[in-house]
C-alpha cells in the first residue's frame, strides 16, 4: 500500500444505515463531497487513525454485535484507497459478514465498488432529504445474485 491510507475518525454500532441490520459503522475522513449542511463536516478534514492499523481490532471487538461493516465515506477516492477497501471486503466476507459503502457521491456503481454487498450513492441534498425521505435523490443498493437492486424503499416501511 502507498501513502494514501484510509483514516477513520470514529466507529460504533448502528441500526439506522441498512434496513433491519446492525452495522459496525466506520467513519472515514477526507470526504471530498462537500454537501451543503453535511451532518458530519469534520469528516472533510484529514483526521483520525490509520484504518489499516486498527481494522482487525475494531472488527473483532464488535464482531458479535453487527451483521454488516458499513464504511461512511470513501476518503480521497484514490486508487490505493480503493485497493484498501477491497482488502477489507475480503476479510469481512471470509468471516461470513456483509459489507457496505456509503460513498455519498452522485455517480453510478463503479467497478471497484462491486466487492461491497450494499452501496449507497447520491450526495446529501437538503431539499430532498436523506434515505428516509421518499423524495431523496440518494439510493441504497443491495447485491442480489451479482446484481445491484435498489432497496431504498425499505427505509419507508
C-alpha atoms as a PDB file:
ATOM      1  CA  UNK A   1       0.000   0.000   0.000  1.00  0.00           C
ATOM      2  CA  UNK A   2       1.100   3.518  -0.721  1.00  0.00           C
ATOM      3  CA  UNK A   3       0.920   6.623   1.424  1.00  0.00           C
ATOM      4  CA  UNK A   4      -2.784   7.114   0.714  1.00  0.00           C
ATOM      5  CA  UNK A   5      -4.080   5.062   3.614  1.00  0.00           C
ATOM      6  CA  UNK A   6      -7.629   5.446   4.785  1.00  0.00           C
ATOM      7  CA  UNK A   7      -8.146   7.298   8.043  1.00  0.00           C
ATOM      8  CA  UNK A   8     -11.157   6.802  10.264  1.00  0.00           C
ATOM      9  CA  UNK A   9     -12.474   9.309  12.776  1.00  0.00           C
ATOM     10  CA  UNK A  10     -14.717   7.029  14.842  1.00  0.00           C
ATOM     11  CA  UNK A  11     -16.659   3.774  14.845  1.00  0.00           C
ATOM     12  CA  UNK A  12     -19.746   2.368  16.540  1.00  0.00           C
ATOM     13  CA  UNK A  13     -22.822   0.194  16.235  1.00  0.00           C
ATOM     14  CA  UNK A  14     -25.939   1.497  14.465  1.00  0.00           C
ATOM     15  CA  UNK A  15     -29.267   0.079  13.313  1.00  0.00           C
ATOM     16  CA  UNK A  16     -30.002   3.033  11.007  1.00  0.00           C
ATOM     17  CA  UNK A  17     -27.752   2.513   7.978  1.00  0.00           C
ATOM     18  CA  UNK A  18     -29.021  -0.770   6.483  1.00  0.00           C
ATOM     19  CA  UNK A  19     -32.688  -1.711   6.962  1.00  0.00           C
ATOM     20  CA  UNK A  20     -33.235  -4.482   9.548  1.00  0.00           C
ATOM     21  CA  UNK A  21     -29.496  -4.936  10.134  1.00  0.00           C
ATOM     22  CA  UNK A  22     -26.965  -3.926  12.756  1.00  0.00           C
ATOM     23  CA  UNK A  23     -23.898  -2.215  11.347  1.00  0.00           C
ATOM     24  CA  UNK A  24     -20.406  -1.580  12.577  1.00  0.00           C
ATOM     25  CA  UNK A  25     -20.192   1.948  11.184  1.00  0.00           C
ATOM     26  CA  UNK A  26     -16.697   3.250  10.458  1.00  0.00           C
ATOM     27  CA  UNK A  27     -16.486   6.962   9.650  1.00  0.00           C
ATOM     28  CA  UNK A  28     -13.821   7.604   7.000  1.00  0.00           C
ATOM     29  CA  UNK A  29     -12.279  11.091   6.904  1.00  0.00           C
ATOM     30  CA  UNK A  30     -11.166  13.299   3.981  1.00  0.00           C
ATOM     31  CA  UNK A  31     -14.575  13.321   2.303  1.00  0.00           C
ATOM     32  CA  UNK A  32     -14.456  15.437  -0.851  1.00  0.00           C
ATOM     33  CA  UNK A  33     -18.219  15.691  -1.464  1.00  0.00           C
ATOM     34  CA  UNK A  34     -18.765  18.939   0.498  1.00  0.00           C
ATOM     35  CA  UNK A  35     -22.537  18.513   0.688  1.00  0.00           C
ATOM     36  CA  UNK A  36     -24.302  21.645   1.922  1.00  0.00           C
ATOM     37  CA  UNK A  37     -25.325  21.236   5.591  1.00  0.00           C
ATOM     38  CA  UNK A  38     -23.434  17.952   5.895  1.00  0.00           C
ATOM     39  CA  UNK A  39     -24.221  16.213   9.210  1.00  0.00           C
ATOM     40  CA  UNK A  40     -20.539  15.218   9.686  1.00  0.00           C
ATOM     41  CA  UNK A  41     -18.466  18.181   8.411  1.00  0.00           C
ATOM     42  CA  UNK A  42     -15.457  17.155  10.495  1.00  0.00           C
ATOM     43  CA  UNK A  43     -15.022  14.253   8.049  1.00  0.00           C
ATOM     44  CA  UNK A  44     -13.975  16.744   5.343  1.00  0.00           C
ATOM     45  CA  UNK A  45     -10.587  17.093   7.049  1.00  0.00           C
ATOM     46  CA  UNK A  46      -7.636  14.719   7.140  1.00  0.00           C
ATOM     47  CA  UNK A  47      -8.388  13.465  10.605  1.00  0.00           C
ATOM     48  CA  UNK A  48      -8.278  10.248  12.572  1.00  0.00           C
ATOM     49  CA  UNK A  49      -6.415   6.993  12.842  1.00  0.00           C
ATOM     50  CA  UNK A  50      -4.987   4.684  10.157  1.00  0.00           C
ATOM     51  CA  UNK A  51      -7.715   2.151   9.478  1.00  0.00           C
ATOM     52  CA  UNK A  52      -5.211  -0.462   8.331  1.00  0.00           C
ATOM     53  CA  UNK A  53      -3.632  -0.497  11.807  1.00  0.00           C
ATOM     54  CA  UNK A  54      -6.962  -0.712  13.650  1.00  0.00           C
ATOM     55  CA  UNK A  55      -9.418  -2.617  11.445  1.00  0.00           C
ATOM     56  CA  UNK A  56      -8.850  -6.079  12.910  1.00  0.00           C
ATOM     57  CA  UNK A  57      -9.268  -4.817  16.463  1.00  0.00           C
ATOM     58  CA  UNK A  58     -12.497  -2.957  15.589  1.00  0.00           C
ATOM     59  CA  UNK A  59     -13.839  -5.957  13.682  1.00  0.00           C
ATOM     60  CA  UNK A  60     -13.035  -8.451  16.438  1.00  0.00           C
ATOM     61  CA  UNK A  61     -14.151  -6.223  19.337  1.00  0.00           C
ATOM     62  CA  UNK A  62     -17.607  -5.655  17.855  1.00  0.00           C
ATOM     63  CA  UNK A  63     -17.946  -8.983  15.983  1.00  0.00           C
ATOM     64  CA  UNK A  64     -20.912 -10.301  18.000  1.00  0.00           C
ATOM     65  CA  UNK A  65     -22.847  -7.032  17.719  1.00  0.00           C
ATOM     66  CA  UNK A  66     -23.139  -6.459  13.975  1.00  0.00           C
ATOM     67  CA  UNK A  67     -24.197  -8.082  10.693  1.00  0.00           C
ATOM     68  CA  UNK A  68     -22.539  -5.587   8.357  1.00  0.00           C
ATOM     69  CA  UNK A  69     -19.448  -3.405   8.309  1.00  0.00           C
ATOM     70  CA  UNK A  70     -20.545  -0.047   6.904  1.00  0.00           C
ATOM     71  CA  UNK A  71     -17.978   2.491   5.719  1.00  0.00           C
ATOM     72  CA  UNK A  72     -19.291   6.043   5.851  1.00  0.00           C
ATOM     73  CA  UNK A  73     -17.296   7.740   3.136  1.00  0.00           C
ATOM     74  CA  UNK A  74     -14.548   6.757   0.761  1.00  0.00           C
ATOM     75  CA  UNK A  75     -11.718   9.122   1.657  1.00  0.00           C
ATOM     76  CA  UNK A  76      -9.971  10.757  -1.280  1.00  0.00           C
ATOM     77  CA  UNK A  77     -11.257   8.110  -3.701  1.00  0.00           C
ATOM     78  CA  UNK A  78      -7.690   7.322  -4.824  1.00  0.00           C
ATOM     79  CA  UNK A  79      -6.530   4.006  -6.278  1.00  0.00           C
ATOM     80  CA  UNK A  80      -4.582   2.951  -3.153  1.00  0.00           C
ATOM     81  CA  UNK A  81      -7.670   3.559  -1.031  1.00  0.00           C
ATOM     82  CA  UNK A  82      -9.852   1.525  -3.398  1.00  0.00           C
ATOM     83  CA  UNK A  83      -7.386  -1.364  -3.062  1.00  0.00           C
ATOM     84  CA  UNK A  84      -7.526  -0.977   0.722  1.00  0.00           C
ATOM     85  CA  UNK A  85     -11.341  -1.134   0.664  1.00  0.00           C
ATOM     86  CA  UNK A  86     -11.183  -4.375  -1.357  1.00  0.00           C
ATOM     87  CA  UNK A  87      -8.811  -5.774   1.273  1.00  0.00           C
ATOM     88  CA  UNK A  88     -11.445  -5.109   3.977  1.00  0.00           C
ATOM     89  CA  UNK A  89     -14.173  -6.621   1.808  1.00  0.00           C
ATOM     90  CA  UNK A  90     -12.164  -9.849   1.595  1.00  0.00           C
ATOM     91  CA  UNK A  91     -11.637 -10.002   5.368  1.00  0.00           C
ATOM     92  CA  UNK A  92     -15.313  -9.366   6.111  1.00  0.00           C
ATOM     93  CA  UNK A  93     -16.540 -11.927   3.570  1.00  0.00           C
ATOM     94  CA  UNK A  94     -14.137 -14.571   4.903  1.00  0.00           C
ATOM     95  CA  UNK A  95     -15.841 -14.119   8.271  1.00  0.00           C
ATOM     96  CA  UNK A  96     -19.309 -14.541   6.705  1.00  0.00           C
ATOM     97  CA  UNK A  97     -20.350 -10.958   7.355  1.00  0.00           C
ATOM     98  CA  UNK A  98     -21.594  -8.367   4.863  1.00  0.00           C
ATOM     99  CA  UNK A  99     -20.021  -5.042   3.949  1.00  0.00           C
ATOM    100  CA  UNK A 100     -21.446  -1.697   2.834  1.00  0.00           C
ATOM    101  CA  UNK A 101     -20.153   1.566   1.394  1.00  0.00           C
ATOM    102  CA  UNK A 102     -21.880   4.906   1.796  1.00  0.00           C
ATOM    103  CA  UNK A 103     -19.996   6.795  -0.892  1.00  0.00           C
ATOM    104  CA  UNK A 104     -22.159   9.925  -0.952  1.00  0.00           C
ATOM    105  CA  UNK A 105     -21.203  10.907  -4.485  1.00  0.00           C
ATOM    106  CA  UNK A 106     -23.557  11.430  -7.407  1.00  0.00           C
ATOM    107  CA  UNK A 107     -22.315   8.528  -9.512  1.00  0.00           C
ATOM    108  CA  UNK A 108     -23.166   5.093 -10.826  1.00  0.00           C
ATOM    109  CA  UNK A 109     -21.858   1.979  -9.101  1.00  0.00           C
ATOM    110  CA  UNK A 110     -18.230   1.767 -10.182  1.00  0.00           C
ATOM    111  CA  UNK A 111     -16.293  -1.443 -10.873  1.00  0.00           C
ATOM    112  CA  UNK A 112     -14.135  -1.115  -7.758  1.00  0.00           C
ATOM    113  CA  UNK A 113     -17.291  -0.930  -5.598  1.00  0.00           C
ATOM    114  CA  UNK A 114     -18.572  -4.325  -6.708  1.00  0.00           C
ATOM    115  CA  UNK A 115     -16.919  -6.104  -3.771  1.00  0.00           C
ATOM    116  CA  UNK A 116     -19.491  -4.478  -1.474  1.00  0.00           C
ATOM    117  CA  UNK A 117     -22.819  -6.102  -0.600  1.00  0.00           C
ATOM    118  CA  UNK A 118     -24.561  -2.732  -0.137  1.00  0.00           C
ATOM    119  CA  UNK A 119     -23.753   0.596  -1.766  1.00  0.00           C
ATOM    120  CA  UNK A 120     -25.314   3.997  -1.089  1.00  0.00           C
ATOM    121  CA  UNK A 121     -24.822   6.604  -3.767  1.00  0.00           C
ATOM    122  CA  UNK A 122     -26.014  10.178  -4.073  1.00  0.00           C
ATOM    123  CA  UNK A 123     -24.992  13.394  -2.396  1.00  0.00           C
ATOM    124  CA  UNK A 124     -26.952  14.779   0.510  1.00  0.00           C
ATOM    125  CA  UNK A 125     -29.287  17.456  -0.848  1.00  0.00           C
ATOM    126  CA  UNK A 126     -31.089  19.173   1.993  1.00  0.00           C
ATOM    127  CA  UNK A 127     -34.222  19.916  -0.061  1.00  0.00           C
ATOM    128  CA  UNK A 128     -34.552  16.199  -0.946  1.00  0.00           C
ATOM    129  CA  UNK A 129     -33.572  14.788   2.433  1.00  0.00           C
ATOM    130  CA  UNK A 130     -31.814  11.583   3.492  1.00  0.00           C
ATOM    131  CA  UNK A 131     -32.635   7.988   2.565  1.00  0.00           C
ATOM    132  CA  UNK A 132     -35.613   8.003   4.928  1.00  0.00           C
ATOM    133  CA  UNK A 133     -37.324  10.717   2.851  1.00  0.00           C
ATOM    134  CA  UNK A 134     -39.400   9.471  -0.107  1.00  0.00           C
ATOM    135  CA  UNK A 135     -38.162  12.489  -2.127  1.00  0.00           C
ATOM    136  CA  UNK A 136     -34.465  11.686  -1.639  1.00  0.00           C
ATOM    137  CA  UNK A 137     -32.045  11.639  -4.543  1.00  0.00           C
ATOM    138  CA  UNK A 138     -29.927   9.076  -2.663  1.00  0.00           C
ATOM    139  CA  UNK A 139     -30.185   5.336  -3.372  1.00  0.00           C
ATOM    140  CA  UNK A 140     -29.226   2.241  -1.400  1.00  0.00           C
ATOM    141  CA  UNK A 141     -28.446  -0.842  -3.461  1.00  0.00           C
ATOM    142  CA  UNK A 142     -28.163  -4.444  -2.289  1.00  0.00           C
ATOM    143  CA  UNK A 143     -26.226  -7.054  -4.238  1.00  0.00           C
ATOM    144  CA  UNK A 144     -28.562  -9.954  -5.061  1.00  0.00           C
ATOM    145  CA  UNK A 145     -27.328 -12.706  -7.401  1.00  0.00           C
ATOM    146  CA  UNK A 146     -24.420 -10.497  -8.524  1.00  0.00           C
ATOM    147  CA  UNK A 147     -26.757  -7.637  -9.495  1.00  0.00           C
ATOM    148  CA  UNK A 148     -27.492  -4.500  -7.529  1.00  0.00           C
ATOM    149  CA  UNK A 149     -31.138  -3.855  -6.692  1.00  0.00           C
ATOM    150  CA  UNK A 150     -32.432  -0.549  -5.361  1.00  0.00           C
ATOM    151  CA  UNK A 151     -33.769  -1.160  -1.824  1.00  0.00           C
ATOM    152  CA  UNK A 152     -34.156   2.498  -0.829  1.00  0.00           C
ATOM    153  CA  UNK A 153     -37.897   1.944  -0.297  1.00  0.00           C
ATOM    154  CA  UNK A 154     -37.100  -0.321   2.704  1.00  0.00           C
ATOM    155  CA  UNK A 155     -36.409   2.883   4.642  1.00  0.00           C
ATOM    156  CA  UNK A 156     -40.026   3.957   4.110  1.00  0.00           C
ATOM    157  CA  UNK A 157     -41.724   0.843   5.516  1.00  0.00           C
END
